[in-house]
Amino acid sequence: KSNNILLGPEFEAHVADFGLAKFMIEDNGASECMSSIAGSYGYIAPEYAYTLRIDEKS
């Protein structure tokens, strides 16, 4: 969302909101796959919006 982009003194863009970001590691060191996705509908990955299925691209 445009609200999550901050501009620095030289007008460089910075992403400011990682409120929904998660990185999960299981005890065995493997990464974990999530089975649901969250976010504002107009800003979610298009492939998820069309299929309601998530993968590593989503």
N, C-alpha and C. Protein backbone atom coordinates (compact mmCIF):
# COMPACT_ATOMS: atom_id res chain seq x y z
N LYS A 1 0.84 -1.18 0.00
CA LYS A 1 0.00 0.00 0.00
C LYS A 1 0.88 1.24 0.00
N SER A 2 0.37 2.27 -0.55
CA SER A 2 1.14 3.51 -0.58
C SER A 2 1.39 4.06 0.82
N ASN A 3 0.53 3.74 1.78
CA ASN A 3 0.73 4.21 3.15
C ASN A 3 1.96 3.59 3.79
N ASN A 4 2.44 2.46 3.26
CA ASN A 4 3.57 1.75 3.84
C ASN A 4 4.91 2.16 3.22
N ILE A 5 4.89 3.14 2.35
CA ILE A 5 6.13 3.60 1.72
C ILE A 5 6.50 4.96 2.29
N LEU A 6 7.69 5.02 2.85
CA LEU A 6 8.20 6.28 3.41
C LEU A 6 9.28 6.81 2.48
N LEU A 7 9.40 8.12 2.40
CA LEU A 7 10.44 8.75 1.60
C LEU A 7 11.50 9.35 2.50
N GLY A 8 12.76 9.06 2.18
CA GLY A 8 13.88 9.61 2.93
C GLY A 8 14.19 11.03 2.49
N PRO A 9 15.23 11.63 3.07
CA PRO A 9 15.57 13.02 2.78
C PRO A 9 15.91 13.26 1.31
N GLU A 10 16.42 12.25 0.62
CA GLU A 10 16.74 12.38 -0.81
C GLU A 10 15.65 11.74 -1.67
N PHE A 11 14.46 11.56 -1.10
CA PHE A 11 13.31 10.97 -1.77
C PHE A 11 13.51 9.51 -2.16
N GLU A 12 14.38 8.79 -1.42
CA GLU A 12 14.50 7.36 -1.63
C GLU A 12 13.37 6.66 -0.90
N ALA A 13 12.80 5.63 -1.51
CA ALA A 13 11.65 4.94 -0.95
C ALA A 13 12.09 3.87 0.04
N HIS A 14 11.32 3.74 1.15
CA HIS A 14 11.56 2.71 2.17
C HIS A 14 10.22 2.06 2.50
N VAL A 15 10.19 0.72 2.47
CA VAL A 15 8.99 -0.01 2.88
C VAL A 15 8.96 -0.01 4.40
N ALA A 16 7.83 0.39 4.99
CA ALA A 16 7.78 0.61 6.43
C ALA A 16 6.95 -0.40 7.20
N ASP A 17 6.14 -1.21 6.56
CA ASP A 17 5.22 -2.06 7.32
C ASP A 17 5.45 -3.53 7.02
N PHE A 18 5.91 -4.25 8.02
CA PHE A 18 6.05 -5.70 7.91
C PHE A 18 5.18 -6.36 8.96
N GLY A 19 4.04 -5.78 9.28
CA GLY A 19 3.17 -6.26 10.34
C GLY A 19 2.67 -7.67 10.13
N LEU A 20 2.53 -8.13 8.89
CA LEU A 20 2.05 -9.48 8.63
C LEU A 20 3.17 -10.45 8.27
N ALA A 21 4.39 -9.96 8.16
CA ALA A 21 5.50 -10.82 7.75
C ALA A 21 5.90 -11.75 8.88
N LYS A 22 6.14 -12.99 8.52
CA LYS A 22 6.59 -13.99 9.48
C LYS A 22 7.58 -14.92 8.80
N PHE A 23 8.63 -15.28 9.51
CA PHE A 23 9.56 -16.29 9.03
C PHE A 23 9.62 -17.35 10.11
N MET A 24 9.25 -18.55 9.77
CA MET A 24 9.16 -19.60 10.77
C MET A 24 10.12 -20.72 10.45
N ILE A 25 10.86 -21.16 11.45
CA ILE A 25 11.76 -22.29 11.33
C ILE A 25 11.32 -23.36 12.33
N GLU A 26 11.19 -24.59 11.85
CA GLU A 26 10.85 -25.68 12.75
C GLU A 26 12.10 -26.10 13.51
N ASP A 27 11.92 -26.90 14.55
CA ASP A 27 13.04 -27.34 15.38
C ASP A 27 14.11 -28.07 14.57
N ASN A 28 13.71 -28.73 13.50
CA ASN A 28 14.69 -29.46 12.69
C ASN A 28 15.39 -28.57 11.67
N GLY A 29 15.14 -27.28 11.68
CA GLY A 29 15.80 -26.33 10.79
C GLY A 29 15.11 -26.12 9.46
N ALA A 30 14.04 -26.85 9.19
CA ALA A 30 13.32 -26.70 7.93
C ALA A 30 12.36 -25.52 8.02
N SER A 31 12.12 -24.87 6.91
CA SER A 31 11.14 -23.79 6.92
C SER A 31 9.74 -24.37 6.90
N GLU A 32 8.79 -23.62 7.41
CA GLU A 32 7.41 -24.08 7.51
C GLU A 32 6.55 -23.35 6.49
N CYS A 33 5.62 -24.03 5.91
CA CYS A 33 4.71 -23.45 4.93
C CYS A 33 3.41 -23.05 5.62
N MET A 34 2.92 -21.85 5.35
CA MET A 34 1.66 -21.40 5.92
C MET A 34 0.52 -21.83 5.01
N SER A 35 -0.64 -22.06 5.59
CA SER A 35 -1.78 -22.51 4.80
C SER A 35 -2.81 -21.40 4.58
N SER A 36 -2.55 -20.21 5.07
CA SER A 36 -3.47 -19.10 4.84
C SER A 36 -2.65 -17.84 4.60
N ILE A 37 -3.32 -16.86 4.06
CA ILE A 37 -2.65 -15.60 3.76
C ILE A 37 -3.53 -14.46 4.27
N ALA A 38 -2.91 -13.36 4.65
CA ALA A 38 -3.66 -12.22 5.17
C ALA A 38 -3.21 -10.96 4.44
N GLY A 39 -4.05 -9.98 4.42
CA GLY A 39 -3.70 -8.71 3.79
C GLY A 39 -4.93 -8.03 3.23
N SER A 40 -4.74 -6.82 2.77
CA SER A 40 -5.83 -6.07 2.15
C SER A 40 -6.10 -6.65 0.77
N TYR A 41 -7.35 -6.92 0.45
CA TYR A 41 -7.70 -7.62 -0.79
C TYR A 41 -7.11 -6.96 -2.03
N GLY A 42 -7.13 -5.67 -2.12
CA GLY A 42 -6.61 -4.99 -3.29
C GLY A 42 -5.09 -5.05 -3.43
N TYR A 43 -4.41 -5.56 -2.40
CA TYR A 43 -2.95 -5.57 -2.40
C TYR A 43 -2.35 -6.96 -2.24
N ILE A 44 -3.17 -8.00 -2.23
CA ILE A 44 -2.63 -9.35 -2.12
C ILE A 44 -2.14 -9.82 -3.48
N ALA A 45 -1.37 -10.90 -3.49
CA ALA A 45 -0.82 -11.43 -4.74
C ALA A 45 -1.96 -11.80 -5.69
N PRO A 46 -1.88 -11.39 -6.95
CA PRO A 46 -2.96 -11.68 -7.90
C PRO A 46 -3.26 -13.16 -8.04
N GLU A 47 -2.22 -14.01 -8.01
CA GLU A 47 -2.46 -15.45 -8.15
C GLU A 47 -3.27 -15.99 -6.98
N TYR A 48 -3.11 -15.40 -5.80
CA TYR A 48 -3.93 -15.82 -4.66
C TYR A 48 -5.35 -15.28 -4.81
N ALA A 49 -5.50 -14.07 -5.25
CA ALA A 49 -6.84 -13.48 -5.41
C ALA A 49 -7.69 -14.28 -6.39
N TYR A 50 -7.06 -14.81 -7.45
CA TYR A 50 -7.81 -15.56 -8.46
C TYR A 50 -8.08 -17.00 -8.07
N THR A 51 -7.13 -17.63 -7.38
CA THR A 51 -7.25 -19.07 -7.11
C THR A 51 -7.53 -19.41 -5.65
N LEU A 52 -7.29 -18.47 -4.74
CA LEU A 52 -7.38 -18.69 -3.29
C LEU A 52 -6.46 -19.80 -2.83
N ARG A 53 -5.39 -20.05 -3.60
CA ARG A 53 -4.37 -21.01 -3.24
C ARG A 53 -3.05 -20.26 -3.11
N ILE A 54 -2.26 -20.64 -2.11
CA ILE A 54 -0.98 -19.96 -1.91
C ILE A 54 0.17 -20.91 -2.23
N ASP A 55 1.27 -20.32 -2.63
CA ASP A 55 2.51 -21.05 -2.84
C ASP A 55 3.66 -20.10 -2.53
N GLU A 56 4.88 -20.51 -2.84
CA GLU A 56 6.03 -19.67 -2.50
C GLU A 56 6.02 -18.33 -3.22
N LYS A 57 5.33 -18.21 -4.34
CA LYS A 57 5.24 -16.94 -5.06
C LYS A 57 4.29 -15.96 -4.37
N SER A 58 3.30 -16.47 -3.67
CA SER A 58 2.31 -15.63 -3.01
C SER A 58 2.91 -14.93 -1.82
